[in-house]
Amino acid sequence: MPKLVYYVASTLDGFIAAPDGSYDFFPLEPDVAAHLAAEWPQTFPTAAHSHFGIDAPRGRFDTLVMGRGTYDPALKIGVTSPYAHLKQYVFSRSLPPSDDPQVEIVVGDPVAFVRELKRRPGGDIWLCGGGQLAGQLLPEVDELVVKLHPIVAGKGIPLADRGFAPHRFALVDTRPFDSGLVILRYAATPR
């Protein structure tokens, strides 16, 4: 059964983007970039593959889900399928249906939709962002992978935007880098 994996960059104080949704304050240091290109190649936008030496991005994901705010930067530059190597589902109540066969706009309940995706055969599902969608899907997250940057932002879009409802995860792996970033991998604990 496919897992829902929330793979995301975060500040030390738990923000995944600035208040305006931008995330360009997260540096991609060479030591981290090489590791991510080797271990998580599917999480790079398709257009960036040649830059990072990614020929055919193989890995655990065949699908990604994202919120409208995560999808908007690509749309603003005319890219309708930022991760063309994956099946992409964008949750939005305001976007029209997509003309791109790799992108489906979903207006329904994210939890019910992801539960249905988990029932199908195939690879894992990458929860790409953003904070509101992650907040809704947190009970469905099987694995949480946080690229923890040594940055305190003070304000921004939280890792999971939801009311107070604690969810416990168990730390299963850490990978520190000389540049200060640490990749933390957690598994969901039984609820």
Protein backbone atom coordinates (compact mmCIF):
# COMPACT_ATOMS: atom_id res chain seq x y z
CA MET A 1 0.00 0.00 0.00
CA PRO A 2 1.47 3.38 -0.94
CA LYS A 3 2.54 5.73 1.83
CA LEU A 4 1.87 9.45 2.05
CA VAL A 5 5.24 11.11 2.61
CA TYR A 6 5.41 14.77 3.60
CA TYR A 7 8.85 15.80 2.31
CA VAL A 8 9.47 19.48 2.98
CA ALA A 9 12.02 22.16 3.85
CA SER A 10 11.52 23.98 7.14
CA THR A 11 13.07 26.66 9.30
CA LEU A 12 14.01 25.92 12.91
CA ASP A 13 10.80 27.67 13.99
CA GLY A 14 8.61 25.53 11.74
CA PHE A 15 7.96 27.63 8.63
CA ILE A 16 8.04 26.20 5.11
CA ALA A 17 7.71 29.53 3.30
CA ALA A 18 7.64 33.27 3.88
CA PRO A 19 4.29 34.95 4.57
CA ASP A 20 3.96 35.66 0.81
CA GLY A 21 4.57 31.99 -0.05
CA SER A 22 8.11 32.48 -1.33
CA TYR A 23 10.80 30.03 -0.28
CA ASP A 24 13.91 31.41 -2.00
CA PHE A 25 15.48 32.15 1.38
CA PHE A 26 16.22 28.42 1.72
CA PRO A 27 19.72 27.93 0.29
CA LEU A 28 20.58 24.80 -1.66
CA GLU A 29 24.17 24.20 -0.57
CA PRO A 30 26.36 22.00 -2.80
CA ASP A 31 26.69 19.19 -0.23
CA VAL A 32 22.93 19.04 0.20
CA ALA A 33 22.17 19.36 -3.53
CA ALA A 34 24.39 16.38 -4.37
CA HIS A 35 22.72 14.24 -1.70
CA LEU A 36 19.19 15.21 -2.75
CA ALA A 37 19.91 14.63 -6.44
CA ALA A 38 21.18 11.13 -5.58
CA GLU A 39 18.62 10.15 -2.93
CA TRP A 40 15.51 12.20 -3.73
CA PRO A 41 15.75 12.96 -7.49
CA GLN A 42 11.99 12.87 -8.03
CA THR A 43 11.55 15.89 -5.76
CA PHE A 44 13.35 18.21 -8.18
CA PRO A 45 11.17 19.99 -10.75
CA THR A 46 11.48 18.36 -14.16
CA ALA A 47 13.10 21.48 -15.65
CA ALA A 48 15.94 21.28 -13.08
CA HIS A 49 16.92 17.67 -13.83
CA SER A 50 19.64 18.42 -16.38
CA HIS A 51 21.16 21.11 -14.12
CA PHE A 52 21.56 18.59 -11.29
CA GLY A 53 22.65 15.70 -13.53
CA ILE A 54 19.42 13.74 -13.07
CA ASP A 55 18.82 11.60 -16.16
CA ALA A 56 15.73 9.57 -15.29
CA PRO A 57 14.40 10.35 -11.82
CA ARG A 58 13.72 6.98 -10.29
CA GLY A 59 12.64 6.52 -6.73
CA ARG A 60 9.78 5.82 -4.43
CA PHE A 61 7.22 8.35 -5.73
CA ASP A 62 4.91 8.11 -8.71
CA THR A 63 2.40 10.71 -7.51
CA LEU A 64 2.42 14.04 -5.75
CA VAL A 65 -0.25 16.14 -4.10
CA MET A 66 0.06 19.87 -3.54
CA GLY A 67 -2.00 22.88 -2.64
CA ARG A 68 -2.71 25.82 -4.89
CA GLY A 69 -0.11 28.02 -3.18
CA THR A 70 2.59 25.45 -3.95
CA TYR A 71 1.45 25.20 -7.57
CA ASP A 72 1.15 28.96 -8.19
CA PRO A 73 4.87 29.78 -8.69
CA ALA A 74 5.02 27.36 -11.64
CA LEU A 75 1.81 28.72 -13.13
CA LYS A 76 3.11 32.29 -12.87
CA ILE A 77 5.99 31.40 -15.20
CA GLY A 78 3.79 29.40 -17.58
CA VAL A 79 4.68 25.91 -16.34
CA THR A 80 1.53 23.80 -16.03
CA SER A 81 3.33 20.58 -15.06
CA PRO A 82 6.31 21.35 -12.78
CA TYR A 83 6.87 17.67 -11.97
CA ALA A 84 6.03 16.14 -15.35
CA HIS A 85 7.75 12.89 -14.32
CA LEU A 86 5.01 12.34 -11.68
CA LYS A 87 1.22 12.30 -11.68
CA GLN A 88 0.27 15.61 -10.00
CA TYR A 89 -2.88 16.44 -8.07
CA VAL A 90 -3.48 20.08 -7.14
CA PHE A 91 -6.10 20.87 -4.50
CA SER A 92 -7.92 24.07 -5.38
CA ARG A 93 -11.48 25.33 -5.36
CA SER A 94 -10.69 28.22 -7.69
CA LEU A 95 -8.53 26.81 -10.51
CA PRO A 96 -10.23 25.57 -13.67
CA PRO A 97 -9.60 21.95 -14.79
CA SER A 98 -6.09 21.45 -16.16
CA ASP A 99 -5.41 20.88 -19.85
CA ASP A 100 -2.21 19.04 -18.92
CA PRO A 101 -2.68 15.25 -18.72
CA GLN A 102 -0.15 15.00 -15.86
CA VAL A 103 -2.04 17.49 -13.67
CA GLU A 104 -5.49 17.06 -12.17
CA ILE A 105 -7.21 19.82 -10.22
CA VAL A 106 -9.07 18.35 -7.23
CA VAL A 107 -11.89 20.27 -5.57
CA GLY A 108 -13.03 17.56 -3.16
CA ASP A 109 -12.00 16.52 0.33
CA PRO A 110 -8.21 15.99 0.45
CA VAL A 111 -8.40 13.29 3.14
CA ALA A 112 -10.90 11.15 1.23
CA PHE A 113 -8.97 11.66 -2.00
CA VAL A 114 -5.62 10.64 -0.48
CA ARG A 115 -7.18 7.61 1.19
CA GLU A 116 -8.38 6.52 -2.23
CA LEU A 117 -4.90 7.11 -3.73
CA LYS A 118 -3.42 4.93 -1.00
CA ARG A 119 -5.69 2.04 -2.03
CA ARG A 120 -4.34 1.90 -5.55
CA PRO A 121 -1.22 -0.06 -6.53
CA GLY A 122 1.92 1.92 -7.20
CA GLY A 123 4.61 4.00 -5.61
CA ASP A 124 4.42 6.32 -2.65
CA ILE A 125 2.69 9.70 -2.71
CA TRP A 126 4.69 12.86 -2.10
CA LEU A 127 2.90 15.59 -0.16
CA CYS A 128 4.75 18.51 -1.71
CA GLY A 129 3.01 21.31 0.22
CA GLY A 130 1.71 23.61 1.38
CA GLY A 131 0.95 24.21 5.00
CA GLN A 132 -2.85 24.28 4.79
CA LEU A 133 -3.03 21.07 2.78
CA ALA A 134 -0.48 19.43 5.11
CA GLY A 135 -2.60 20.48 8.08
CA GLN A 136 -5.64 18.77 6.59
CA LEU A 137 -3.69 15.64 5.60
CA LEU A 138 -1.58 15.29 8.76
CA PRO A 139 -3.61 12.30 10.05
CA GLU A 140 -2.86 10.51 6.75
CA VAL A 141 0.90 11.21 6.74
CA ASP A 142 2.84 7.95 7.09
CA GLU A 143 6.29 9.50 6.93
CA LEU A 144 7.56 13.02 7.56
CA VAL A 145 10.89 14.05 6.02
CA VAL A 146 12.02 17.51 7.09
CA LYS A 147 14.99 19.29 5.56
CA LEU A 148 15.66 21.42 8.65
CA HIS A 149 17.54 24.59 7.75
CA PRO A 150 19.52 26.51 10.39
CA ILE A 151 17.27 29.53 9.90
CA VAL A 152 14.78 31.26 12.19
CA ALA A 153 12.18 33.10 10.11
CA GLY A 154 9.90 34.50 12.82
CA LYS A 155 6.83 34.38 10.61
CA GLY A 156 5.58 32.54 7.56
CA ILE A 157 3.58 29.56 6.39
CA PRO A 158 3.70 26.84 9.04
CA LEU A 159 4.70 23.25 8.35
CA ALA A 160 1.13 22.14 9.14
CA ASP A 161 -1.49 24.88 9.38
CA ARG A 162 -4.26 23.49 11.58
CA GLY A 163 -5.84 23.90 14.96
CA PHE A 164 -4.24 22.40 18.03
CA ALA A 165 -4.28 18.63 17.44
CA PRO A 166 -0.94 17.00 18.34
CA HIS A 167 0.29 14.16 16.12
CA ARG A 168 3.27 12.16 17.30
CA PHE A 169 5.98 10.86 14.99
CA ALA A 170 8.96 8.61 15.78
CA LEU A 171 12.43 9.65 14.63
CA VAL A 172 13.90 6.95 12.37
CA ASP A 173 16.88 8.67 10.75
CA THR A 174 18.98 11.84 10.79
CA ARG A 175 21.44 13.07 8.20
CA PRO A 176 23.47 16.19 9.12
CA PHE A 177 25.39 18.21 6.53
CA ASP A 178 28.46 20.43 6.93
CA SER A 179 26.38 23.40 5.72
CA GLY A 180 24.19 23.11 8.85
CA LEU A 181 21.11 21.49 7.33
CA VAL A 182 19.81 18.29 8.91
CA ILE A 183 17.42 15.89 7.20
CA LEU A 184 15.12 14.35 9.78
CA ARG A 185 13.02 11.35 8.86
CA TYR A 186 10.05 10.36 11.03
CA ALA A 187 7.47 7.58 10.87
CA ALA A 188 3.91 8.06 12.03
CA THR A 189 3.19 6.38 15.34
CA PRO A 190 0.02 4.33 15.84
CA ARG A 191 -2.90 6.59 16.59
